[in-house]
Amino acid sequence: MASLSSVSLSTSSSETSIFRSTNWKISVLPTGVVRTFPDIKKSRKQINYVAYVQPPDVNRPQSSIRSTSFNVEGTGHTTSVDEVVKVDTSRIEANSIKLPLPLFENQSSSTDAQTDDSASLSIAVIGATGVLARTKIFPALFALYCSGQLPEKFCIFGYSRKNLTEEDLRAIIAPTLSCRIDHQESCEEKMDAFLKRTFYLYGGYDNREGMSKLNTLMEEVEGKFGANRIFYLSVPQDALIDIASSLAEKAQTQRAWNRVIIEKPFGLGSFSSHQLTTSLLSNFEEKQLYRIDHLLGRNTIENLAVLRFSNLVFMPLWNRSYIHNIQVIFSEELGMQNSARYPYGYGILGDVVHSHIFQTVALLAMEPPVTLDGEDVRYEKVKVLKSIRKLESSDVILGHCEADSGSNFKDTDNLMPTYFGAVLHIDNARWDGVPFLIKAGRGLKKNRVEICIQFRRVPGNLYHKDGEHMQNLASNELILRDVPDEAILVRINNKIPGLGMNLEASELNLLYKDKYNVDVTDSYEQLLHDVIDGDNHLFMRSDEVEAAWNILSPVLSELDHSNVTLERYNLGSKGPDKAANLWAKYGAKWLDD
């Protein structure tokens, strides 16, 4: 028996023509299943497609009978019109049924269901076969799907220059998807559902033509209702401008909002960054751009504003009168593994310092924003960045790890900085005279990412001297640790139990893994969730990008003219020996020393 597709329609309209509503339902049932239709309410116009598809191994042309039935006004009877329709089942696999297109028009069969256009979302990953997309972006999207953070109507589109099929992409990303959220309970089903909503397009080498094809595919899946679109540009710097301009012209939807995610580095210095920003702003509005740095999606960074502005114990102390210095530490054991990404030798400056370090400093030092709205926060951050004094060579130490097996630059004239030590000065009333000490390096002795606020010593401390013995009192410290174990520590001076007056520095410890029995969210999940929500406070605005490069411009100029000597240090060490002299200059003792 040929496969049968039946369509029912009812209308209460007094006109003689048949009115098709926009409330569609498409469902696929196995061969031989008998469908009983419920009574049709006359108060609503609706149309339902129900397709009966027979397996593709039947060796004869596939066809179906489309039957349209409708009520005849005033008679109490129905009539129908039948027609034969060809059904192409050549692409239907033996044990699976391909989802019909357009997917976003699959509405509820309830007669009261309304189309919610804002709930439809298309996410295009440009550079879908790259390492970042495979290991971070797709797993983060799957985690958001498993935790119910994606809209009910969503689709993901992979796009790259590799000539692959849809099934090839699904096979590539499937092993990277994690079942950590539902703990294997329904992971296989969720993976299958997620992968069925993942499509692929071979873009070729003509970006304009490729983006036009992408737009066609997205419109086919989205249907006539359209959808909001997010474009994640996980592409090399030298291809970014052309891809972004082609996308703006050919792939943006006109029926909803468009947002574009751009991976760091945001240019390779002031000049190239200005070119990139000019190009982007000629094609997009600022509010559409999300410059992503995964390190800013960590919970420690998100918690900075909470600690500062929701705890009265800290608010009055957050200034030059009580704080001696602030340390920002980014330390990794591994060497520089992605050297080819930064061909001009800026290394860790463009990878970590320009975005992560400076954004951390801005969040630590900014004035209270008017609200927590993203733009209000970004206005305060950029004021801090513009107040940071340009770096002088006497306040900067650059180094290179000697045993850096991952580096592509072995020529001594073209070494890449893998270590950055510096002292930042913020020229405003709150922070005048408070050094912000920066240590960012790879190939160091341990993995450590943390912020330490060291307070001033107690004036006229009564316990400075106990009889004939000097008490070695430590300064109070507030430590926000991200790696190795996320924690908030407060170091205070405390009396040791027993006879006599013996003091020691003790820690009040909030260790997250002991306090909170919750799943640790990956930073890409957090930031992608923010993009979907339109929350941009952790993403750099164009003026923030420019201000950050201006701070580094004297150092980059010295590097360009080979006027800087990179201090060599061994893998697994503390970094360059000369860095200790810089810290001593400001009377600072490093927390990790």
Protein backbone atom coordinates (compact mmCIF):
# COMPACT_ATOMS: atom_id res chain seq x y z
CA MET A 1 0.00 0.00 0.00
CA ALA A 2 1.37 3.41 -0.86
CA SER A 3 2.17 5.77 1.98
CA LEU A 4 -0.71 7.97 2.97
CA SER A 5 -0.56 11.63 3.99
CA SER A 6 -3.86 13.05 5.17
CA VAL A 7 -4.69 16.66 5.82
CA SER A 8 -7.71 17.90 7.71
CA LEU A 9 -9.00 21.44 7.78
CA SER A 10 -11.99 23.03 9.40
CA THR A 11 -13.33 26.57 9.39
CA SER A 12 -16.25 28.42 10.86
CA SER A 13 -15.97 31.24 8.37
CA SER A 14 -19.17 32.18 6.55
CA GLU A 15 -17.22 32.70 3.35
CA THR A 16 -17.15 29.87 0.84
CA SER A 17 -13.34 29.79 0.42
CA ILE A 18 -11.05 27.71 2.62
CA PHE A 19 -8.81 29.80 4.91
CA ARG A 20 -5.47 28.22 5.90
CA SER A 21 -4.16 29.42 9.24
CA THR A 22 -0.51 29.73 10.25
CA ASN A 23 -0.92 27.14 12.99
CA TRP A 24 0.78 24.03 11.52
CA LYS A 25 1.51 20.61 12.96
CA ILE A 26 3.77 18.16 11.18
CA SER A 27 4.26 14.70 12.62
CA VAL A 28 5.54 11.41 11.26
CA LEU A 29 4.05 8.05 12.20
CA PRO A 30 5.30 4.51 11.43
CA THR A 31 3.73 2.53 8.61
CA GLY A 32 0.52 0.82 9.61
CA VAL A 33 -0.36 3.11 12.49
CA VAL A 34 -4.00 4.16 12.43
CA ARG A 35 -4.62 7.77 13.45
CA THR A 36 -7.99 8.75 14.92
CA PHE A 37 -8.69 12.45 14.54
CA PRO A 38 -10.33 14.30 17.43
CA ASP A 39 -13.41 16.43 16.93
CA ILE A 40 -12.59 19.72 15.28
CA LYS A 41 -13.64 22.88 17.08
CA LYS A 42 -15.53 25.23 14.79
CA SER A 43 -14.36 28.34 16.60
CA ARG A 44 -10.87 28.14 15.14
CA LYS A 45 -9.36 27.77 11.70
CA GLN A 46 -6.62 25.14 11.57
CA ILE A 47 -4.78 22.78 9.27
CA ASN A 48 -3.03 19.57 10.34
CA TYR A 49 -0.62 17.49 8.25
CA VAL A 50 -0.15 13.85 9.31
CA ALA A 51 2.24 11.86 7.12
CA TYR A 52 2.34 8.06 6.95
CA VAL A 53 5.72 7.15 5.50
CA GLN A 54 6.54 3.65 4.32
CA PRO A 55 10.11 2.30 4.50
CA PRO A 56 12.39 3.18 1.55
CA ASP A 57 13.07 -0.46 0.64
CA VAL A 58 9.75 -0.79 -1.21
CA ASN A 59 10.79 -0.98 -4.83
CA ARG A 60 8.22 1.27 -6.46
CA PRO A 61 7.55 4.99 -6.77
CA GLN A 62 6.44 6.60 -3.52
CA SER A 63 3.19 8.54 -3.48
CA SER A 64 0.52 9.64 -1.08
CA ILE A 65 -3.07 10.72 -1.12
CA ARG A 66 -3.58 14.20 0.28
CA SER A 67 -7.13 14.52 1.53
CA THR A 68 -8.46 17.96 2.44
CA SER A 69 -11.68 17.86 4.38
CA PHE A 70 -13.78 20.79 5.50
CA ASN A 71 -17.14 21.57 7.03
CA VAL A 72 -19.84 22.83 4.72
CA GLU A 73 -21.48 25.83 6.36
CA GLY A 74 -25.05 25.16 7.54
CA THR A 75 -25.25 21.49 6.52
CA GLY A 76 -23.60 19.73 9.44
CA HIS A 77 -21.67 17.56 6.94
CA THR A 78 -18.11 17.45 5.71
CA THR A 79 -16.74 16.98 2.26
CA SER A 80 -13.22 16.29 1.03
CA VAL A 81 -10.96 16.64 -1.99
CA ASP A 82 -8.24 14.03 -2.64
CA GLU A 83 -5.10 14.39 -4.75
CA VAL A 84 -2.04 12.21 -5.37
CA VAL A 85 1.22 13.72 -4.13
CA LYS A 86 4.74 12.42 -4.84
CA VAL A 87 6.77 11.62 -1.73
CA ASP A 88 10.58 11.61 -1.97
CA THR A 89 11.91 9.05 0.51
CA SER A 90 15.30 8.56 -1.10
CA ARG A 91 17.07 10.31 1.75
CA ILE A 92 15.20 8.60 4.58
CA GLU A 93 17.48 6.14 6.35
CA ALA A 94 16.33 2.65 7.24
CA ASN A 95 15.82 3.19 10.95
CA SER A 96 15.41 6.95 11.20
CA ILE A 97 13.04 9.57 9.93
CA LYS A 98 14.41 12.95 8.93
CA LEU A 99 12.82 15.91 10.61
CA PRO A 100 10.62 17.81 8.17
CA LEU A 101 11.43 21.36 7.18
CA PRO A 102 10.71 24.02 8.15
CA LEU A 103 11.29 22.96 11.76
CA PHE A 104 10.21 26.20 13.37
CA GLU A 105 6.67 25.84 12.04
CA ASN A 106 6.02 22.72 14.11
CA GLN A 107 3.46 24.22 16.44
CA SER A 108 1.31 22.66 19.11
CA SER A 109 -1.92 21.08 17.91
CA SER A 110 -3.81 22.97 20.60
CA THR A 111 -6.26 25.39 19.04
CA ASP A 112 -5.20 27.98 21.60
CA ALA A 113 -1.48 27.79 20.75
CA GLN A 114 0.07 31.03 19.60
CA THR A 115 3.27 31.50 17.63
CA ASP A 116 6.02 32.96 19.82
CA ASP A 117 8.56 34.33 17.37
CA SER A 118 10.92 35.44 20.16
CA ALA A 119 11.39 31.80 21.22
CA SER A 120 12.93 30.77 17.89
CA LEU A 121 16.73 30.81 17.69
CA SER A 122 19.26 29.89 15.02
CA ILE A 123 22.93 29.63 15.97
CA ALA A 124 25.52 29.52 13.20
CA VAL A 125 29.05 28.40 14.12
CA ILE A 126 31.40 29.75 11.46
CA GLY A 127 34.51 27.59 11.56
CA ALA A 128 32.56 24.59 12.81
CA THR A 129 35.32 22.04 12.21
CA GLY A 130 37.99 23.91 14.16
CA VAL A 131 39.35 22.81 17.52
CA LEU A 132 37.54 25.55 19.44
CA ALA A 133 34.17 24.70 17.93
CA ARG A 134 34.58 20.96 18.48
CA THR A 135 35.90 21.09 22.02
CA LYS A 136 34.16 24.14 23.48
CA ILE A 137 31.34 25.69 21.45
CA PHE A 138 29.29 22.62 20.54
CA PRO A 139 29.68 21.03 24.01
CA ALA A 140 28.59 24.31 25.61
CA LEU A 141 25.53 24.51 23.37
CA PHE A 142 24.64 20.92 24.21
CA ALA A 143 24.99 21.63 27.93
CA LEU A 144 22.66 24.63 27.58
CA TYR A 145 20.20 22.40 25.74
CA CYS A 146 20.34 19.71 28.45
CA SER A 147 19.77 22.28 31.20
CA GLY A 148 16.80 23.79 29.39
CA GLN A 149 18.51 27.09 28.59
CA LEU A 150 17.90 27.00 24.84
CA PRO A 151 14.51 27.91 23.36
CA GLU A 152 12.21 25.07 22.41
CA LYS A 153 12.59 26.06 18.77
CA PHE A 154 16.31 26.21 18.03
CA CYS A 155 18.67 24.95 15.36
CA ILE A 156 22.45 24.98 15.02
CA PHE A 157 24.26 25.46 11.73
CA GLY A 158 27.87 24.47 11.22
CA TYR A 159 29.75 26.29 8.46
CA SER A 160 33.32 25.79 7.30
CA ARG A 161 35.54 25.34 4.25
CA LYS A 162 35.76 21.56 4.64
CA ASN A 163 33.72 19.59 2.15
CA LEU A 164 31.76 17.48 4.63
CA THR A 165 28.22 16.21 4.92
CA GLU A 166 25.75 16.85 7.70
CA GLU A 167 26.37 13.37 9.07
CA ASP A 168 30.13 13.98 9.00
CA LEU A 169 29.77 17.00 11.26
CA ARG A 170 27.49 15.14 13.62
CA ALA A 171 29.99 12.29 13.83
CA ILE A 172 32.78 14.79 14.59
CA ILE A 173 31.04 16.59 17.43
CA ALA A 174 29.14 13.67 19.00
CA PRO A 175 32.17 12.33 20.97
CA THR A 176 32.77 15.78 22.51
CA LEU A 177 29.28 16.11 24.02
CA SER A 178 29.21 15.56 27.76
CA CYS A 179 26.48 13.84 29.78
CA ARG A 180 27.47 15.55 33.03
CA ILE A 181 24.20 17.45 33.46
CA ASP A 182 21.64 14.64 33.39
CA HIS A 183 24.13 12.03 34.66
CA GLN A 184 23.40 9.60 31.82
CA GLU A 185 19.68 9.38 32.67
CA SER A 186 18.47 10.49 29.25
CA CYS A 187 21.69 11.57 27.63
CA GLU A 188 21.44 9.36 24.57
CA GLU A 189 18.00 10.67 23.72
CA LYS A 190 19.10 14.25 24.25
CA MET A 191 22.20 13.78 22.13
CA ASP A 192 20.12 12.35 19.32
CA ALA A 193 17.64 15.22 19.51
CA PHE A 194 20.45 17.79 19.64
CA LEU A 195 22.31 16.32 16.68
CA LYS A 196 19.13 16.19 14.58
CA ARG A 197 18.91 19.94 15.03
CA THR A 198 22.50 20.42 13.87
CA PHE A 199 23.00 21.13 10.18
CA TYR A 200 26.10 21.68 8.07
CA LEU A 201 27.00 23.81 5.08
CA TYR A 202 30.20 23.62 3.06
CA GLY A 203 30.92 27.31 2.51
CA GLY A 204 33.72 27.12 -0.01
CA TYR A 205 36.24 29.94 -0.41
CA ASP A 206 33.94 32.69 -1.61
CA ASN A 207 32.59 34.13 1.63
CA ARG A 208 29.85 36.19 0.00
CA GLU A 209 28.50 33.21 -1.90
CA GLY A 210 28.90 30.96 1.15
CA MET A 211 26.99 33.34 3.42
CA SER A 212 24.23 33.62 0.85
CA LYS A 213 23.90 29.84 0.85
CA LEU A 214 23.91 29.83 4.64
CA ASN A 215 21.08 32.33 4.70
CA THR A 216 19.08 30.15 2.28
CA LEU A 217 19.57 27.08 4.47
CA MET A 218 18.64 28.97 7.63
CA GLU A 219 15.49 30.37 6.03
CA GLU A 220 14.52 26.89 4.85
CA VAL A 221 14.78 25.54 8.39
CA GLU A 222 13.26 28.59 10.07
CA GLY A 223 10.24 28.75 7.78
CA LYS A 224 8.07 31.77 7.24
CA PHE A 225 8.14 32.84 10.89
CA GLY A 226 11.89 33.42 10.93
CA ALA A 227 14.09 33.34 14.02
CA ASN A 228 16.62 35.33 15.99
CA ARG A 229 20.17 34.59 14.83
CA ILE A 230 23.52 34.29 16.56
CA PHE A 231 26.69 34.00 14.46
CA TYR A 232 29.78 32.68 16.28
CA LEU A 233 32.88 33.65 14.27
CA SER A 234 35.47 31.09 15.31
CA VAL A 235 37.84 32.02 12.49
CA PRO A 236 41.45 33.22 12.07
CA GLN A 237 42.16 36.93 12.39
CA ASP A 238 43.14 37.32 8.74
CA ALA A 239 39.73 36.04 7.60
CA LEU A 240 37.61 37.85 10.16
CA ILE A 241 36.90 41.14 8.35
CA ASP A 242 35.89 39.53 5.05
CA ILE A 243 33.69 36.91 6.73
CA ALA A 244 32.03 39.49 8.97
CA SER A 245 31.25 41.87 6.11
CA SER A 246 29.93 39.01 3.94
CA LEU A 247 27.77 37.83 6.81
CA ALA A 248 26.38 41.31 7.38
CA GLU A 249 25.39 41.67 3.74
CA LYS A 250 24.17 38.17 2.96
CA ALA A 251 23.20 36.23 6.11
CA GLN A 252 21.48 38.59 8.54
CA THR A 253 17.79 38.07 9.04
CA GLN A 254 15.44 40.99 8.50
CA ARG A 255 12.71 39.51 10.69
CA ALA A 256 14.39 39.41 14.12
CA TRP A 257 17.60 40.38 15.89
CA ASN A 258 21.13 39.35 14.85
CA ARG A 259 24.10 38.99 17.23
CA VAL A 260 27.72 38.30 16.32
CA ILE A 261 30.29 36.66 18.62
CA ILE A 262 33.95 37.42 17.92
CA GLU A 263 36.85 35.48 19.44
CA LYS A 264 39.96 37.17 20.83
CA PRO A 265 42.42 38.59 20.07
CA PHE A 266 40.54 41.71 19.00
CA GLY A 267 43.19 42.86 16.58
CA LEU A 268 46.95 42.52 16.93
CA GLY A 269 47.73 45.95 18.29
CA SER A 270 46.19 49.41 18.12
CA PHE A 271 46.30 49.80 14.34
CA SER A 272 44.89 46.42 13.33
CA SER A 273 42.33 46.64 16.13
CA HIS A 274 41.18 50.02 14.82
CA GLN A 275 40.81 48.56 11.32
CA LEU A 276 38.78 45.64 12.65
CA THR A 277 36.54 47.87 14.77
CA THR A 278 35.95 50.28 11.88
CA SER A 279 34.96 47.41 9.61
CA LEU A 280 32.67 45.82 12.19
CA LEU A 281 30.89 49.08 13.02
CA SER A 282 30.36 49.80 9.34
CA ASN A 283 28.38 46.56 9.09
CA PHE A 284 26.84 46.11 12.55
CA GLU A 285 25.57 48.17 15.43
CA GLU A 286 27.62 48.08 18.62
CA LYS A 287 24.83 46.31 20.48
CA GLN A 288 25.09 43.38 18.03
CA LEU A 289 28.77 42.69 18.78
CA TYR A 290 29.89 40.30 21.53
CA ARG A 291 33.67 40.04 21.86
CA ILE A 292 34.14 36.85 23.83
CA ASP A 293 36.94 35.94 26.23
CA HIS A 294 36.19 32.63 27.91
CA LEU A 295 38.22 33.53 31.00
CA LEU A 296 35.71 36.29 31.76
CA GLY A 297 32.92 33.72 32.02
CA ARG A 298 34.39 32.21 35.17
CA ASN A 299 32.33 32.44 38.35
CA THR A 300 35.13 34.30 40.13
CA ILE A 301 34.83 37.19 37.67
CA GLU A 302 31.05 37.23 37.94
CA ASN A 303 31.39 37.33 41.73
CA LEU A 304 33.52 40.48 41.81
CA ALA A 305 30.58 42.87 41.58
CA VAL A 306 28.57 40.79 44.05
CA LEU A 307 31.31 40.96 46.68
CA ARG A 308 31.94 44.65 46.12
CA PHE A 309 28.44 46.02 45.93
CA SER A 310 26.34 43.71 48.11
CA ASN A 311 28.58 43.47 51.20
CA LEU A 312 28.81 46.51 53.43
CA VAL A 313 31.91 45.13 55.12
CA PHE A 314 33.93 45.67 51.91
CA MET A 315 32.40 48.79 50.38
CA PRO A 316 33.98 51.45 52.63
CA LEU A 317 37.40 49.72 52.47
CA TRP A 318 37.61 49.63 48.67
CA ASN A 319 39.96 52.59 48.15
CA ARG A 320 43.47 53.96 48.61
CA SER A 321 42.96 54.64 52.32
CA TYR A 322 42.77 50.95 53.23
CA ILE A 323 44.25 48.97 50.32
CA HIS A 324 48.02 48.75 49.89
CA ASN A 325 48.13 46.81 46.62
CA ILE A 326 46.05 44.52 44.41
CA GLN A 327 47.54 41.46 42.72
CA VAL A 328 46.13 39.73 39.66
CA ILE A 329 47.77 36.36 38.97
CA PHE A 330 47.40 34.14 35.91
CA SER A 331 49.85 31.25 36.07
CA GLU A 332 49.89 28.12 33.90
CA GLU A 333 52.22 25.15 33.95
CA LEU A 334 52.07 24.59 30.19
CA GLY A 335 54.09 26.50 27.65
CA MET A 336 52.69 28.59 24.81
CA GLN A 337 50.90 26.02 22.66
CA ASN A 338 49.22 28.27 20.11
CA SER A 339 52.09 30.37 18.85
CA ALA A 340 51.00 30.44 15.22
CA ARG A 341 47.86 32.32 16.18
CA TYR A 342 49.91 35.43 17.01
CA PRO A 343 52.31 35.92 14.10
CA TYR A 344 53.56 39.31 15.28
CA GLY A 345 55.01 38.01 18.51
CA TYR A 346 52.69 39.60 21.07
CA GLY A 347 51.99 36.20 22.57
CA ILE A 348 50.43 36.34 26.01
CA LEU A 349 49.81 40.10 25.66
CA GLY A 350 47.09 39.58 23.07
CA ASP A 351 45.93 36.24 24.43
CA VAL A 352 45.50 37.04 28.14
CA VAL A 353 46.59 40.55 29.13
CA HIS A 354 44.67 42.78 26.71
CA SER A 355 41.28 41.27 27.54
CA HIS A 356 41.25 39.08 30.64
CA ILE A 357 43.74 40.92 32.83
CA PHE A 358 42.58 44.44 31.99
CA GLN A 359 38.91 43.49 32.26
CA THR A 360 39.57 41.97 35.69
CA VAL A 361 41.29 45.17 36.80
CA ALA A 362 38.41 47.26 35.44
CA LEU A 363 35.82 45.23 37.37
CA LEU A 364 37.92 45.47 40.54
CA ALA A 365 38.47 49.22 40.27
CA MET A 366 35.30 50.62 38.69
CA GLU A 367 32.88 52.92 40.46
CA PRO A 368 29.44 51.53 41.35
CA PRO A 369 27.36 51.50 38.12
CA VAL A 370 23.95 53.15 38.04
CA THR A 371 22.38 49.72 37.42
CA LEU A 372 23.57 46.23 36.56
CA ASP A 373 22.55 46.79 32.95
CA GLY A 374 25.37 45.83 30.62
CA GLU A 375 25.86 49.32 29.20
CA ASP A 376 25.99 50.93 32.65
CA VAL A 377 28.67 48.44 33.72
CA ARG A 378 30.66 48.94 30.52
CA TYR A 379 30.64 52.73 30.94
CA GLU A 380 32.27 52.35 34.33
CA LYS A 381 34.82 49.81 33.05
CA VAL A 382 35.96 52.02 30.20
CA LYS A 383 36.43 54.95 32.60
CA VAL A 384 38.89 52.80 34.56
CA LEU A 385 40.77 51.69 31.45
CA LYS A 386 41.12 55.28 30.26
CA SER A 387 42.48 56.22 33.70
CA ILE A 388 45.28 53.61 33.61
CA ARG A 389 48.61 55.22 32.93
CA LYS A 390 50.44 54.05 29.81
CA LEU A 391 53.00 51.44 30.73
CA GLU A 392 56.63 52.43 31.04
CA SER A 393 59.47 50.01 30.39
CA SER A 394 60.64 50.35 34.01
CA ASP A 395 57.33 48.89 35.19
CA VAL A 396 57.22 45.94 32.78
CA ILE A 397 58.99 42.58 32.67
CA LEU A 398 58.59 40.41 29.57
CA GLY A 399 59.84 36.84 29.51
CA HIS A 400 60.04 33.73 27.39
CA CYS A 401 59.97 30.15 28.63
CA GLU A 402 63.18 28.38 27.59
CA ALA A 403 61.73 24.87 27.46
CA ASP A 404 58.68 25.90 25.46
CA SER A 405 58.30 22.88 23.21
CA GLY A 406 55.01 24.18 21.85
CA SER A 407 56.47 27.38 20.45
CA ASN A 408 56.82 27.76 16.70
CA PHE A 409 59.39 30.54 17.15
CA LYS A 410 62.86 29.19 17.87
CA ASP A 411 64.71 32.11 16.26
CA THR A 412 66.10 34.36 18.99
CA ASP A 413 65.07 37.42 16.96
CA ASN A 414 61.43 36.38 16.90
CA LEU A 415 60.65 35.06 20.34
CA MET A 416 57.15 35.28 21.71
CA PRO A 417 56.42 36.67 25.19
CA THR A 418 55.07 33.94 27.42
CA TYR A 419 55.41 36.03 30.59
CA PHE A 420 54.12 39.50 31.43
CA GLY A 421 54.83 41.18 34.75
CA ALA A 422 53.78 44.78 35.27
CA VAL A 423 52.64 47.46 37.67
CA LEU A 424 49.55 49.42 36.66
CA HIS A 425 48.74 52.87 38.03
CA ILE A 426 45.18 54.18 37.96
CA ASP A 427 45.14 57.96 38.01
CA ASN A 428 41.91 58.75 39.81
CA ALA A 429 40.84 59.75 43.32
CA ARG A 430 39.96 56.24 44.49
CA TRP A 431 43.17 54.48 43.48
CA ASP A 432 45.87 57.14 43.44
CA GLY A 433 49.07 55.52 44.75
CA VAL A 434 47.73 51.94 44.84
CA PRO A 435 49.81 49.63 42.61
CA PHE A 436 47.96 46.95 40.65
CA LEU A 437 50.51 44.16 40.28
CA ILE A 438 50.10 41.85 37.29
CA LYS A 439 51.69 38.45 36.80
CA ALA A 440 50.62 36.46 33.74
CA GLY A 441 52.74 33.60 32.53
CA ARG A 442 52.91 30.16 31.01
CA GLY A 443 55.42 27.45 31.80
CA LEU A 444 55.44 28.45 35.48
CA LYS A 445 55.65 26.16 38.49
CA LYS A 446 51.90 25.81 39.13
CA ASN A 447 48.45 26.53 37.81
CA ARG A 448 47.03 29.48 39.70
CA VAL A 449 44.43 32.08 38.78
CA GLU A 450 43.51 34.43 41.58
CA ILE A 451 43.09 37.99 42.81
CA CYS A 452 44.60 39.19 46.08
CA ILE A 453 43.66 42.45 47.76
CA GLN A 454 46.31 43.28 50.37
CA PHE A 455 45.21 45.84 52.96
CA ARG A 456 47.42 48.32 54.74
CA ARG A 457 48.95 47.57 58.12
CA VAL A 458 47.06 48.62 61.21
CA PRO A 459 48.37 52.04 62.31
CA GLY A 460 49.72 52.06 65.87
CA ASN A 461 49.13 48.33 66.20
CA LEU A 462 49.14 47.38 69.89
CA TYR A 463 50.42 43.89 69.07
CA HIS A 464 53.41 45.04 67.10
CA LYS A 465 55.54 44.36 70.15
CA ASP A 466 54.94 41.75 72.84
CA GLY A 467 57.43 42.30 75.67
CA GLU A 468 60.84 41.84 74.11
CA HIS A 469 59.56 39.85 71.13
CA MET A 470 58.43 41.41 67.91
CA GLN A 471 55.20 40.01 66.53
CA ASN A 472 55.40 39.33 62.81
CA LEU A 473 51.88 40.43 61.98
CA ALA A 474 50.66 39.86 58.46
CA SER A 475 48.49 42.33 56.62
CA ASN A 476 44.87 41.40 56.12
CA GLU A 477 44.10 39.95 52.68
CA LEU A 478 41.02 39.16 50.67
CA ILE A 479 41.74 36.40 48.15
CA LEU A 480 39.46 35.39 45.29
CA ARG A 481 40.78 32.11 43.91
CA ASP A 482 39.63 30.51 40.68
CA VAL A 483 42.32 27.88 40.10
CA PRO A 484 43.13 25.31 41.46
CA ASP A 485 40.03 25.27 43.68
CA GLU A 486 37.54 28.10 43.57
CA ALA A 487 37.42 29.81 46.94
CA ILE A 488 37.07 33.08 48.83
CA LEU A 489 39.64 33.51 51.60
CA VAL A 490 40.01 36.24 54.22
CA ARG A 491 43.31 36.32 56.07
CA ILE A 492 43.20 37.77 59.56
CA ASN A 493 45.51 37.84 62.56
CA ASN A 494 44.40 35.54 65.33
CA LYS A 495 45.61 34.48 68.80
CA ILE A 496 46.89 30.92 69.07
CA PRO A 497 45.07 29.10 71.93
CA GLY A 498 47.18 28.67 75.06
CA LEU A 499 49.22 30.68 77.49
CA GLY A 500 50.89 33.83 76.32
CA MET A 501 50.03 36.17 73.48
CA ASN A 502 51.14 34.42 70.32
CA LEU A 503 49.52 35.50 67.08
CA GLU A 504 49.34 33.96 63.63
CA ALA A 505 47.67 34.72 60.31
CA SER A 506 44.62 32.50 59.84
CA GLU A 507 42.19 32.02 56.98
CA LEU A 508 38.44 32.26 56.91
CA ASN A 509 37.81 29.87 54.06
CA LEU A 510 34.84 29.55 51.73
CA LEU A 511 35.74 26.61 49.50
CA TYR A 512 33.11 26.29 46.82
CA LYS A 513 33.38 22.53 46.31
CA ASP A 514 32.66 22.00 50.02
CA LYS A 515 29.94 24.61 50.32
CA TYR A 516 27.99 24.11 47.09
CA ASN A 517 26.99 20.75 45.69
CA VAL A 518 26.27 22.09 42.22
CA ASP A 519 27.45 21.36 38.73
CA VAL A 520 30.36 23.58 37.67
CA THR A 521 29.32 25.56 34.63
CA ASP A 522 31.86 25.91 31.85
CA SER A 523 32.73 29.50 31.01
CA TYR A 524 31.55 29.10 27.41
CA GLU A 525 28.15 28.01 28.69
CA GLN A 526 27.92 31.14 30.84
CA LEU A 527 28.93 33.50 28.04
CA LEU A 528 26.74 31.89 25.37
CA HIS A 529 23.84 32.07 27.81
CA ASP A 530 24.58 35.79 28.24
CA VAL A 531 24.60 36.34 24.47
CA ILE A 532 21.22 34.63 24.12
CA ASP A 533 19.86 36.84 26.93
CA GLY A 534 21.45 39.99 25.49
CA ASP A 535 23.56 40.55 28.62
CA ASN A 536 26.77 42.22 27.40
CA HIS A 537 28.47 43.37 30.62
CA LEU A 538 31.27 40.78 30.32
CA PHE A 539 31.94 41.56 26.64
CA MET A 540 34.26 44.36 25.59
CA ARG A 541 32.78 47.35 23.82
CA SER A 542 34.73 49.01 21.01
CA ASP A 543 35.98 51.84 23.21
CA GLU A 544 37.13 49.32 25.83
CA VAL A 545 39.15 47.46 23.18
CA GLU A 546 40.80 50.70 22.07
CA ALA A 547 41.54 51.83 25.62
CA ALA A 548 43.16 48.49 26.48
CA TRP A 549 45.44 48.59 23.42
CA ASN A 550 46.41 52.18 24.28
CA ILE A 551 47.70 50.99 27.66
CA LEU A 552 49.89 48.40 25.97
CA SER A 553 50.95 50.54 23.00
CA PRO A 554 54.37 51.61 24.40
CA VAL A 555 55.26 47.97 25.11
CA LEU A 556 54.09 46.79 21.70
CA SER A 557 56.07 49.56 20.03
CA GLU A 558 59.23 48.45 21.82
CA LEU A 559 58.57 44.86 20.74
CA ASP A 560 58.04 45.93 17.14
CA HIS A 561 61.39 47.74 17.13
CA SER A 562 63.18 44.92 18.98
CA ASN A 563 64.03 47.28 21.83
CA VAL A 564 62.88 44.84 24.51
CA THR A 565 64.92 42.01 25.93
CA LEU A 566 62.83 38.97 26.78
CA GLU A 567 64.00 37.53 30.06
CA ARG A 568 64.54 33.78 29.80
CA TYR A 569 63.14 31.49 32.46
CA ASN A 570 63.03 27.75 32.86
CA LEU A 571 59.91 25.65 32.55
CA GLY A 572 58.46 25.07 36.01
CA SER A 573 60.09 28.10 37.63
CA LYS A 574 58.55 31.24 39.18
CA GLY A 575 59.34 33.22 36.05
CA PRO A 576 62.12 35.73 35.29
CA ASP A 577 64.41 36.49 38.24
CA LYS A 578 64.26 40.23 37.56
CA ALA A 579 60.54 40.25 38.30
CA ALA A 580 61.30 40.04 42.04
CA ASN A 581 63.06 43.41 41.86
CA LEU A 582 59.94 44.99 40.37
CA TRP A 583 57.72 43.73 43.18
CA ALA A 584 60.24 44.83 45.82
CA LYS A 585 60.21 48.31 44.32
CA TYR A 586 56.60 48.65 45.50
CA GLY A 587 57.03 46.82 48.80
CA ALA A 588 54.84 43.92 47.68
CA LYS A 589 55.19 40.27 48.56
CA TRP A 590 53.54 37.98 46.06
CA LEU A 591 50.90 35.68 47.41
CA ASP A 592 52.10 32.69 45.38
CA ASP A 593 55.73 33.12 46.45
